[in-house]
Amino acid sequence: SFFINKKKIAVIALNSFSDSPHYQGTLLFRDYYDWFEKTVNHIVKNKISNTHWIIKTHPAQQNNGRMSYNEISIVDEVMSKNKFKNLEMMPANLNNRDLFKYATQCITCVSTIGLEFACYGKKPILCGDSVYSDLGFTHSVLSQKEYFSL
C-alpha cells in the first residue's frame, strides 16, 4: 500500500557520513553529508514534486548499537529543515526488493546499493567513482551541474 498513487519514485540511498568518502576515487561533493544536504536542498528549493523521494539510510547509520555510527539524528535534522510533501524516510518495514521493484530511480554516491538496483534492469545515478562505475549500467555523472540537471 505504500506505493499506491506514487508514479515516479526515486530512492536517495545514503552512504554512512562517517565513512571515508574518497577511498574509491573522485566524488562530486566534499563528502557524503554534503551530497545528501545539497540533494535535499535542491529538491525542496526547486519543488520537484513530479517524483516521490525516499531517503534510505545506510545500515551503519542506524542506532542499533552494533557497528553503528548513530547518524539518524543528523539525517532527521536535514529532513526537519527541509519539509516537503514528496520527501520522506523509507519505512522501516520496507525491504530493498520491494523498494527496487517499484522505484524508477536510485541515487547514491558510491554505495553497492546502486549495483543492487541495477540487478532490476534499472540504471542508478552515481555521484562518485565506484568499482562498478564504468561497466555501462550506471549514470556516472561528471559534475554537480550534470547531476542536478539529471
Protein backbone atom coordinates (compact mmCIF):
# COMPACT_ATOMS: atom_id res chain seq x y z
CA SER A 1 0.00 0.00 0.00
CA PHE A 2 2.99 2.33 0.47
CA PHE A 3 3.41 2.60 -3.32
CA ILE A 4 -0.22 3.40 -4.20
CA ASN A 5 -0.56 6.72 -6.09
CA LYS A 6 3.21 7.18 -6.41
CA LYS A 7 4.11 7.25 -10.09
CA LYS A 8 7.80 8.22 -10.07
CA ILE A 9 9.79 7.01 -7.08
CA ALA A 10 13.42 7.94 -6.54
CA VAL A 11 15.49 6.37 -3.79
CA ILE A 12 18.20 8.55 -2.28
CA ALA A 13 20.45 5.84 -0.85
CA LEU A 14 22.75 7.33 1.74
CA ASN A 15 26.31 6.36 2.49
CA SER A 16 27.39 6.49 6.10
CA PHE A 17 28.61 10.04 6.71
CA SER A 18 31.48 8.75 8.85
CA ASP A 19 32.92 6.56 6.08
CA SER A 20 35.88 7.70 4.01
CA PRO A 21 34.27 9.43 1.03
CA HIS A 22 37.28 9.50 -1.28
CA TYR A 23 38.71 6.00 -0.90
CA GLN A 24 37.40 4.78 -4.27
CA GLY A 25 38.28 7.89 -6.27
CA THR A 26 36.62 11.12 -7.27
CA LEU A 27 33.46 12.25 -5.52
CA LEU A 28 31.40 15.15 -6.90
CA PHE A 29 30.83 16.58 -3.45
CA ARG A 30 33.01 17.37 -0.43
CA ASP A 31 31.71 14.26 1.36
CA TYR A 32 28.60 12.09 1.75
CA TYR A 33 26.86 14.57 4.06
CA ASP A 34 27.48 17.44 1.63
CA TRP A 35 25.93 15.36 -1.17
CA PHE A 36 22.87 14.47 0.94
CA GLU A 37 22.27 18.02 2.15
CA LYS A 38 22.69 19.59 -1.30
CA THR A 39 20.46 16.96 -2.92
CA VAL A 40 17.63 17.52 -0.43
CA ASN A 41 18.03 21.30 -0.67
CA HIS A 42 17.84 21.08 -4.49
CA ILE A 43 14.64 19.00 -4.37
CA VAL A 44 12.93 21.35 -1.93
CA LYS A 45 14.18 24.63 -3.44
CA ASN A 46 13.09 23.58 -6.94
CA LYS A 47 9.86 21.98 -5.69
CA ILE A 48 10.45 18.81 -7.67
CA SER A 49 7.07 17.29 -6.96
CA ASN A 50 6.70 15.06 -10.02
CA THR A 51 8.79 12.48 -8.13
CA HIS A 52 8.29 10.86 -4.75
CA TRP A 53 11.67 10.99 -2.94
CA ILE A 54 12.51 8.24 -0.45
CA ILE A 55 15.54 8.59 1.81
CA LYS A 56 17.08 5.20 2.54
CA THR A 57 19.62 5.30 5.34
CA HIS A 58 22.74 3.15 5.33
CA PRO A 59 22.66 0.22 7.81
CA ALA A 60 25.70 1.66 9.63
CA GLN A 61 23.74 4.87 10.30
CA GLN A 62 21.12 3.03 12.32
CA ASN A 63 21.09 3.40 16.08
CA ASN A 64 21.29 -0.35 16.66
CA GLY A 65 24.41 -0.41 18.83
CA ARG A 66 26.23 -2.83 16.54
CA MET A 67 28.66 -1.30 14.03
CA SER A 68 26.62 1.87 14.26
CA TYR A 69 27.67 5.46 13.73
CA ASN A 70 24.35 6.70 15.20
CA GLU A 71 23.79 9.21 12.39
CA ILE A 72 19.99 9.09 12.24
CA SER A 73 19.72 12.33 14.22
CA ILE A 74 21.83 14.04 11.54
CA VAL A 75 19.52 12.75 8.80
CA ASP A 76 16.47 13.80 10.85
CA GLU A 77 17.91 17.31 11.26
CA VAL A 78 18.29 17.78 7.49
CA MET A 79 14.81 16.40 6.93
CA SER A 80 13.24 18.69 9.56
CA LYS A 81 14.82 21.76 7.90
CA ASN A 82 13.51 20.66 4.51
CA LYS A 83 9.83 19.82 4.84
CA PHE A 84 8.40 18.75 1.50
CA LYS A 85 5.32 16.67 0.78
CA ASN A 86 7.08 14.25 -1.59
CA LEU A 87 10.20 13.72 0.53
CA GLU A 88 10.19 11.10 3.26
CA MET A 89 12.21 8.48 5.05
CA MET A 90 11.91 4.87 3.91
CA PRO A 91 9.55 2.99 6.23
CA ALA A 92 11.37 0.51 8.47
CA ASN A 93 9.22 -2.41 7.33
CA LEU A 94 10.06 -1.93 3.64
CA ASN A 95 12.82 -4.09 2.16
CA ASN A 96 15.12 -3.36 -0.78
CA ARG A 97 13.49 -5.96 -3.01
CA ASP A 98 10.06 -4.31 -2.79
CA LEU A 99 11.56 -0.83 -2.94
CA PHE A 100 13.54 -1.54 -6.12
CA LYS A 101 10.60 -3.28 -7.74
CA TYR A 102 8.63 0.00 -7.65
CA ALA A 103 11.38 2.62 -7.72
CA THR A 104 12.09 4.34 -11.00
CA GLN A 105 15.48 5.70 -9.88
CA CYS A 106 18.17 5.19 -7.28
CA ILE A 107 20.75 7.86 -6.48
CA THR A 108 23.85 7.20 -4.42
CA CYS A 109 27.45 8.29 -4.22
CA VAL A 110 29.40 5.04 -4.46
CA SER A 111 27.37 2.52 -2.45
CA THR A 112 26.83 -1.06 -3.59
CA ILE A 113 23.10 -0.36 -3.38
CA GLY A 114 23.46 1.06 -6.89
CA LEU A 115 24.66 -2.36 -8.01
CA GLU A 116 21.64 -3.96 -6.33
CA PHE A 117 19.33 -1.51 -8.13
CA ALA A 118 20.98 -2.35 -11.47
CA CYS A 119 20.07 -6.01 -10.91
CA TYR A 120 16.47 -4.90 -11.54
CA GLY A 121 17.44 -3.66 -15.01
CA LYS A 122 17.48 -0.02 -13.92
CA LYS A 123 20.36 2.47 -14.17
CA PRO A 124 21.35 4.08 -10.86
CA ILE A 125 22.83 7.57 -10.72
CA LEU A 126 26.30 7.61 -9.14
CA CYS A 127 27.93 10.74 -7.74
CA GLY A 128 31.40 9.30 -7.47
CA ASP A 129 33.79 6.64 -8.70
CA SER A 130 32.66 3.19 -7.65
CA VAL A 131 34.17 -0.17 -8.53
CA TYR A 132 31.24 -0.63 -10.93
CA SER A 133 31.06 2.93 -12.34
CA ASP A 134 32.48 2.19 -15.78
CA LEU A 135 30.68 -1.05 -16.54
CA GLY A 136 27.92 0.56 -18.63
CA PHE A 137 24.90 0.05 -16.41
CA THR A 138 25.03 3.31 -14.40
CA HIS A 139 24.62 7.02 -14.96
CA SER A 140 28.05 8.15 -13.82
CA VAL A 141 27.89 11.93 -13.77
CA LEU A 142 31.00 14.09 -14.07
CA SER A 143 29.91 17.36 -12.44
CA GLN A 144 27.44 18.72 -9.91
CA LYS A 145 25.80 20.69 -12.73
CA GLU A 146 25.21 17.48 -14.70
CA TYR A 147 23.99 15.71 -11.56
CA PHE A 148 21.40 18.33 -10.68
CA SER A 149 20.17 18.60 -14.28
CA LEU A 150 19.76 14.80 -14.43
